[in-house]
């Protein structure tokens, strides 16, 4: 797999929460951090996502926001 995004993190699906239209996918990274993604039901089905499956989280953003108290 070759992609243009530079932020690719391998992890394991922890949880798949199916909603009316979308699916929330919680991925645990090797260090224990979690990444959450919202994707379509169609995509989740096509990727055969289920807890325990190894996946790649691919982060592509044109801007990153930072906030402070």
PDB file of N, CA and C in Angstrom:
ATOM      1  N   UNK A   1       0.853  -1.166   0.000  1.00  0.00           N
ATOM      2  CA  UNK A   1       0.000   0.000   0.000  1.00  0.00           C
ATOM      3  C   UNK A   1       0.899   1.229   0.000  1.00  0.00           C
ATOM      4  N   UNK A   2       0.731   2.109  -0.970  1.00  0.00           N
ATOM      5  CA  UNK A   2       1.432   3.383  -1.009  1.00  0.00           C
ATOM      6  C   UNK A   2       0.396   4.492  -0.978  1.00  0.00           C
ATOM      7  N   UNK A   3       0.623   5.460  -0.083  1.00  0.00           N
ATOM      8  CA  UNK A   3      -0.300   6.588   0.037  1.00  0.00           C
ATOM      9  C   UNK A   3       0.505   7.868   0.219  1.00  0.00           C
ATOM     10  N   UNK A   4      -0.144   9.006   0.032  1.00  0.00           N
ATOM     11  CA  UNK A   4       0.549  10.280   0.154  1.00  0.00           C
ATOM     12  C   UNK A   4       0.603  10.799   1.584  1.00  0.00           C
ATOM     13  N   UNK A   5      -0.252  10.326   2.450  1.00  0.00           N
ATOM     14  CA  UNK A   5      -0.280  10.798   3.839  1.00  0.00           C
ATOM     15  C   UNK A   5       0.978  10.348   4.562  1.00  0.00           C
ATOM     16  N   UNK A   6       1.538  11.221   5.387  1.00  0.00           N
ATOM     17  CA  UNK A   6       2.756  10.887   6.118  1.00  0.00           C
ATOM     18  C   UNK A   6       2.463  10.289   7.488  1.00  0.00           C
ATOM     19  N   UNK A   7       1.299  10.508   8.003  1.00  0.00           N
ATOM     20  CA  UNK A   7       0.958  10.040   9.347  1.00  0.00           C
ATOM     21  C   UNK A   7       0.166   8.745   9.264  1.00  0.00           C
ATOM     22  N   UNK A   8       0.877   7.635   9.288  1.00  0.00           N
ATOM     23  CA  UNK A   8       0.267   6.312   9.222  1.00  0.00           C
ATOM     24  C   UNK A   8       0.649   5.571  10.501  1.00  0.00           C
ATOM     25  N   UNK A   9      -0.352   5.180  11.267  1.00  0.00           N
ATOM     26  CA  UNK A   9      -0.125   4.525  12.551  1.00  0.00           C
ATOM     27  C   UNK A   9      -0.808   3.161  12.540  1.00  0.00           C
ATOM     28  N   UNK A  10      -0.036   2.110  12.786  1.00  0.00           N
ATOM     29  CA  UNK A  10      -0.607   0.767  12.826  1.00  0.00           C
ATOM     30  C   UNK A  10      -1.191   0.518  14.213  1.00  0.00           C
ATOM     31  N   UNK A  11      -2.345  -0.117  14.251  1.00  0.00           N
ATOM     32  CA  UNK A  11      -2.979  -0.413  15.526  1.00  0.00           C
ATOM     33  C   UNK A  11      -3.943  -1.578  15.410  1.00  0.00           C
ATOM     34  N   UNK A  12      -4.703  -1.775  16.480  1.00  0.00           N
ATOM     35  CA  UNK A  12      -5.671  -2.870  16.551  1.00  0.00           C
ATOM     36  C   UNK A  12      -7.043  -2.306  16.888  1.00  0.00           C
ATOM     37  N   UNK A  13      -8.053  -2.765  16.166  1.00  0.00           N
ATOM     38  CA  UNK A  13      -9.415  -2.315  16.441  1.00  0.00           C
ATOM     39  C   UNK A  13      -9.811  -2.765  17.843  1.00  0.00           C
ATOM     40  N   UNK A  14     -10.222  -1.813  18.654  1.00  0.00           N
ATOM     41  CA  UNK A  14     -10.682  -2.113  20.006  1.00  0.00           C
ATOM     42  C   UNK A  14     -12.200  -2.250  20.037  1.00  0.00           C
ATOM     43  N   UNK A  15     -12.874  -1.357  19.306  1.00  0.00           N
ATOM     44  CA  UNK A  15     -14.331  -1.329  19.371  1.00  0.00           C
ATOM     45  C   UNK A  15     -14.894  -0.781  18.070  1.00  0.00           C
ATOM     46  N   UNK A  16     -16.024  -1.329  17.654  1.00  0.00           N
ATOM     47  CA  UNK A  16     -16.758  -0.851  16.489  1.00  0.00           C
ATOM     48  C   UNK A  16     -18.179  -0.555  16.949  1.00  0.00           C
ATOM     49  N   UNK A  17     -18.561   0.717  16.887  1.00  0.00           N
ATOM     50  CA  UNK A  17     -19.882   1.140  17.362  1.00  0.00           C
ATOM     51  C   UNK A  17     -20.699   1.585  16.155  1.00  0.00           C
ATOM     52  N   UNK A  18     -21.725   0.819  15.838  1.00  0.00           N
ATOM     53  CA  UNK A  18     -22.530   1.094  14.654  1.00  0.00           C
ATOM     54  C   UNK A  18     -23.688   2.018  14.989  1.00  0.00           C
ATOM     55  N   UNK A  19     -23.781   3.118  14.224  1.00  0.00           N
ATOM     56  CA  UNK A  19     -24.884   4.059  14.367  1.00  0.00           C
ATOM     57  C   UNK A  19     -25.850   3.913  13.216  1.00  0.00           C
ATOM     58  N   UNK A  20     -26.758   4.869  13.089  1.00  0.00           N
ATOM     59  CA  UNK A  20     -27.772   4.817  12.042  1.00  0.00           C
ATOM     60  C   UNK A  20     -27.163   4.948  10.648  1.00  0.00           C
ATOM     61  N   UNK A  21     -26.137   5.788  10.521  1.00  0.00           N
ATOM     62  CA  UNK A  21     -25.524   6.040   9.218  1.00  0.00           C
ATOM     63  C   UNK A  21     -24.037   5.717   9.209  1.00  0.00           C
ATOM     64  N   UNK A  22     -23.359   6.053  10.292  1.00  0.00           N
ATOM     65  CA  UNK A  22     -21.915   5.904  10.376  1.00  0.00           C
ATOM     66  C   UNK A  22     -21.497   4.885  11.422  1.00  0.00           C
ATOM     67  N   UNK A  23     -20.209   4.587  11.422  1.00  0.00           N
ATOM     68  CA  UNK A  23     -19.625   3.660  12.383  1.00  0.00           C
ATOM     69  C   UNK A  23     -18.458   4.372  13.064  1.00  0.00           C
ATOM     70  N   UNK A  24     -18.396   4.277  14.391  1.00  0.00           N
ATOM     71  CA  UNK A  24     -17.269   4.813  15.144  1.00  0.00           C
ATOM     72  C   UNK A  24     -16.312   3.664  15.401  1.00  0.00           C
ATOM     73  N   UNK A  25     -15.062   3.847  14.993  1.00  0.00           N
ATOM     74  CA  UNK A  25     -14.054   2.805  15.139  1.00  0.00           C
ATOM     75  C   UNK A  25     -12.984   3.298  16.111  1.00  0.00           C
ATOM     76  N   UNK A  26     -12.775   2.561  17.190  1.00  0.00           N
ATOM     77  CA  UNK A  26     -11.748   2.890  18.169  1.00  0.00           C
ATOM     78  C   UNK A  26     -10.569   1.959  17.913  1.00  0.00           C
ATOM     79  N   UNK A  27      -9.388   2.567  17.677  1.00  0.00           N
ATOM     80  CA  UNK A  27      -8.178   1.813  17.375  1.00  0.00           C
ATOM     81  C   UNK A  27      -7.158   2.068  18.485  1.00  0.00           C
ATOM     82  N   UNK A  28      -6.603   1.003  19.028  1.00  0.00           N
ATOM     83  CA  UNK A  28      -5.559   1.116  20.041  1.00  0.00           C
ATOM     84  C   UNK A  28      -4.201   1.003  19.366  1.00  0.00           C
ATOM     85  N   UNK A  29      -3.330   1.981  19.648  1.00  0.00           N
ATOM     86  CA  UNK A  29      -1.987   1.998  19.091  1.00  0.00           C
ATOM     87  C   UNK A  29      -1.049   1.214  20.008  1.00  0.00           C
ATOM     88  N   UNK A  30       0.142   0.841  19.535  1.00  0.00           N
ATOM     89  CA  UNK A  30       1.059   0.033  20.340  1.00  0.00           C
ATOM     90  C   UNK A  30       1.383   0.615  21.717  1.00  0.00           C
ATOM     91  N   UNK A  31       1.434   1.934  21.861  1.00  0.00           N
ATOM     92  CA  UNK A  31       1.742   2.554  23.147  1.00  0.00           C
ATOM     93  C   UNK A  31       0.558   2.678  24.077  1.00  0.00           C
ATOM     94  N   UNK A  32      -0.618   2.219  23.627  1.00  0.00           N
ATOM     95  CA  UNK A  32      -1.821   2.275  24.447  1.00  0.00           C
ATOM     96  C   UNK A  32      -2.731   3.451  24.143  1.00  0.00           C
ATOM     97  N   UNK A  33      -2.262   4.411  23.353  1.00  0.00           N
ATOM     98  CA  UNK A  33      -3.118   5.528  22.973  1.00  0.00           C
ATOM     99  C   UNK A  33      -4.224   5.027  22.050  1.00  0.00           C
ATOM    100  N   UNK A  34      -5.315   5.788  22.013  1.00  0.00           N
ATOM    101  CA  UNK A  34      -6.433   5.407  21.150  1.00  0.00           C
ATOM    102  C   UNK A  34      -6.709   6.489  20.127  1.00  0.00           C
ATOM    103  N   UNK A  35      -7.078   6.052  18.942  1.00  0.00           N
ATOM    104  CA  UNK A  35      -7.501   6.936  17.861  1.00  0.00           C
ATOM    105  C   UNK A  35      -8.926   6.535  17.514  1.00  0.00           C
ATOM    106  N   UNK A  36      -9.795   7.525  17.352  1.00  0.00           N
ATOM    107  CA  UNK A  36     -11.190   7.246  17.012  1.00  0.00           C
ATOM    108  C   UNK A  36     -11.488   7.840  15.641  1.00  0.00           C
ATOM    109  N   UNK A  37     -12.132   7.053  14.807  1.00  0.00           N
ATOM    110  CA  UNK A  37     -12.492   7.492  13.466  1.00  0.00           C
ATOM    111  C   UNK A  37     -13.979   7.229  13.221  1.00  0.00           C
ATOM    112  N   UNK A  38     -14.601   8.145  12.501  1.00  0.00           N
ATOM    113  CA  UNK A  38     -15.990   7.961  12.082  1.00  0.00           C
ATOM    114  C   UNK A  38     -15.972   7.685  10.578  1.00  0.00           C
ATOM    115  N   UNK A  39     -16.488   6.533  10.179  1.00  0.00           N
ATOM    116  CA  UNK A  39     -16.539   6.168   8.765  1.00  0.00           C
ATOM    117  C   UNK A  39     -17.948   5.695   8.427  1.00  0.00           C
ATOM    118  N   UNK A  40     -18.213   5.525   7.150  1.00  0.00           N
ATOM    119  CA  UNK A  40     -19.538   5.061   6.744  1.00  0.00           C
ATOM    120  C   UNK A  40     -19.701   3.579   7.059  1.00  0.00           C
ATOM    121  N   UNK A  41     -20.951   3.161   7.188  1.00  0.00           N
ATOM    122  CA  UNK A  41     -21.233   1.732   7.393  1.00  0.00           C
ATOM    123  C   UNK A  41     -20.699   0.917   6.222  1.00  0.00           C
ATOM    124  N   UNK A  42     -20.859   1.460   5.024  1.00  0.00           N
ATOM    125  CA  UNK A  42     -20.409   0.761   3.823  1.00  0.00           C
ATOM    126  C   UNK A  42     -18.903   0.509   3.884  1.00  0.00           C
ATOM    127  N   UNK A  43     -18.136   1.502   4.316  1.00  0.00           N
ATOM    128  CA  UNK A  43     -16.685   1.338   4.420  1.00  0.00           C
ATOM    129  C   UNK A  43     -16.320   0.319   5.496  1.00  0.00           C
ATOM    130  N   UNK A  44     -16.987   0.380   6.633  1.00  0.00           N
ATOM    131  CA  UNK A  44     -16.712  -0.562   7.722  1.00  0.00           C
ATOM    132  C   UNK A  44     -16.977  -1.997   7.279  1.00  0.00           C
ATOM    133  N   UNK A  45     -18.033  -2.183   6.518  1.00  0.00           N
ATOM    134  CA  UNK A  45     -18.371  -3.514   6.014  1.00  0.00           C
ATOM    135  C   UNK A  45     -17.339  -3.975   4.992  1.00  0.00           C
ATOM    136  N   UNK A  46     -16.963  -3.080   4.078  1.00  0.00           N
ATOM    137  CA  UNK A  46     -15.992  -3.422   3.040  1.00  0.00           C
ATOM    138  C   UNK A  46     -14.632  -3.791   3.647  1.00  0.00           C
ATOM    139  N   UNK A  47     -14.272  -3.135   4.761  1.00  0.00           N
ATOM    140  CA  UNK A  47     -12.992  -3.408   5.421  1.00  0.00           C
ATOM    141  C   UNK A  47     -13.084  -4.572   6.410  1.00  0.00           C
ATOM    142  N   UNK A  48     -14.306  -5.082   6.611  1.00  0.00           N
ATOM    143  CA  UNK A  48     -14.541  -6.205   7.521  1.00  0.00           C
ATOM    144  C   UNK A  48     -13.974  -5.915   8.920  1.00  0.00           C
ATOM    145  N   UNK A  49     -14.301  -4.724   9.432  1.00  0.00           N
ATOM    146  CA  UNK A  49     -13.763  -4.294  10.719  1.00  0.00           C
ATOM    147  C   UNK A  49     -14.436  -5.016  11.882  1.00  0.00           C
ATOM    148  N   UNK A  50     -13.601  -5.441  12.820  1.00  0.00           N
ATOM    149  CA  UNK A  50     -14.076  -6.124  14.022  1.00  0.00           C
ATOM    150  C   UNK A  50     -12.986  -5.996  15.081  1.00  0.00           C
ATOM    151  N   UNK A  51     -13.356  -6.058  16.354  1.00  0.00           N
ATOM    152  CA  UNK A  51     -12.350  -5.994  17.416  1.00  0.00           C
ATOM    153  C   UNK A  51     -11.257  -7.044  17.203  1.00  0.00           C
ATOM    154  N   UNK A  52     -10.006  -6.614  17.411  1.00  0.00           N
ATOM    155  CA  UNK A  52      -8.871  -7.504  17.255  1.00  0.00           C
ATOM    156  C   UNK A  52      -8.195  -7.436  15.894  1.00  0.00           C
ATOM    157  N   UNK A  53      -8.869  -6.836  14.916  1.00  0.00           N
ATOM    158  CA  UNK A  53      -8.289  -6.764  13.574  1.00  0.00           C
ATOM    159  C   UNK A  53      -7.204  -5.693  13.538  1.00  0.00           C
ATOM    160  N   UNK A  54      -6.068  -6.015  12.913  1.00  0.00           N
ATOM    161  CA  UNK A  54      -4.998  -5.040  12.741  1.00  0.00           C
ATOM    162  C   UNK A  54      -5.338  -4.127  11.574  1.00  0.00           C
ATOM    163  N   UNK A  55      -5.165  -2.817  11.803  1.00  0.00           N
ATOM    164  CA  UNK A  55      -5.498  -1.815  10.795  1.00  0.00           C
ATOM    165  C   UNK A  55      -4.441  -0.714  10.803  1.00  0.00           C
ATOM    166  N   UNK A  56      -4.522   0.159   9.837  1.00  0.00           N
ATOM    167  CA  UNK A  56      -3.694   1.355   9.790  1.00  0.00           C
ATOM    168  C   UNK A  56      -4.605   2.566   9.936  1.00  0.00           C
ATOM    169  N   UNK A  57      -4.245   3.480  10.825  1.00  0.00           N
ATOM    170  CA  UNK A  57      -4.947   4.760  10.890  1.00  0.00           C
ATOM    171  C   UNK A  57      -4.125   5.714  10.035  1.00  0.00           C
ATOM    172  N   UNK A  58      -4.784   6.391   9.124  1.00  0.00           N
ATOM    173  CA  UNK A  58      -4.107   7.279   8.184  1.00  0.00           C
ATOM    174  C   UNK A  58      -4.662   8.680   8.402  1.00  0.00           C
ATOM    175  N   UNK A  59      -3.783   9.579   8.837  1.00  0.00           N
ATOM    176  CA  UNK A  59      -4.211  10.924   9.198  1.00  0.00           C
ATOM    177  C   UNK A  59      -3.691  11.896   8.148  1.00  0.00           C
ATOM    178  N   UNK A  60      -4.609  12.564   7.480  1.00  0.00           N
ATOM    179  CA  UNK A  60      -4.266  13.548   6.455  1.00  0.00           C
ATOM    180  C   UNK A  60      -5.057  14.807   6.765  1.00  0.00           C
ATOM    181  N   UNK A  61      -4.355  15.863   7.117  1.00  0.00           N
ATOM    182  CA  UNK A  61      -5.045  17.100   7.478  1.00  0.00           C
ATOM    183  C   UNK A  61      -4.305  18.288   6.893  1.00  0.00           C
ATOM    184  N   UNK A  62      -5.061  19.270   6.467  1.00  0.00           N
ATOM    185  CA  UNK A  62      -4.437  20.478   5.933  1.00  0.00           C
ATOM    186  C   UNK A  62      -4.090  21.457   7.048  1.00  0.00           C
ATOM    187  N   UNK A  63      -4.651  21.248   8.237  1.00  0.00           N
ATOM    188  CA  UNK A  63      -4.319  22.104   9.361  1.00  0.00           C
ATOM    189  C   UNK A  63      -4.480  21.329  10.660  1.00  0.00           C
ATOM    190  N   UNK A  64      -3.700  21.710  11.643  1.00  0.00           N
ATOM    191  CA  UNK A  64      -3.796  21.119  12.972  1.00  0.00           C
ATOM    192  C   UNK A  64      -4.014  22.252  13.949  1.00  0.00           C
ATOM    193  N   UNK A  65      -5.062  22.152  14.747  1.00  0.00           N
ATOM    194  CA  UNK A  65      -5.406  23.202  15.697  1.00  0.00           C
ATOM    195  C   UNK A  65      -4.804  22.895  17.054  1.00  0.00           C
ATOM    196  N   UNK A  66      -4.384  23.934  17.763  1.00  0.00           N
ATOM    197  CA  UNK A  66      -3.833  23.792  19.096  1.00  0.00           C
ATOM    198  C   UNK A  66      -4.586  24.744  20.010  1.00  0.00           C
ATOM    199  N   UNK A  67      -4.948  24.290  21.201  1.00  0.00           N
ATOM    200  CA  UNK A  67      -5.668  25.144  22.153  1.00  0.00           C
ATOM    201  C   UNK A  67      -5.021  25.081  23.519  1.00  0.00           C
ATOM    202  N   UNK A  68      -5.236  26.121  24.307  1.00  0.00           N
ATOM    203  CA  UNK A  68      -4.739  26.162  25.682  1.00  0.00           C
ATOM    204  C   UNK A  68      -5.828  26.736  26.573  1.00  0.00           C
ATOM    205  N   UNK A  69      -5.703  26.461  27.884  1.00  0.00           N
ATOM    206  CA  UNK A  69      -6.640  27.035  28.856  1.00  0.00           C
ATOM    207  C   UNK A  69      -6.220  28.444  29.209  1.00  0.00           C
TER     208      UNK A  69
END
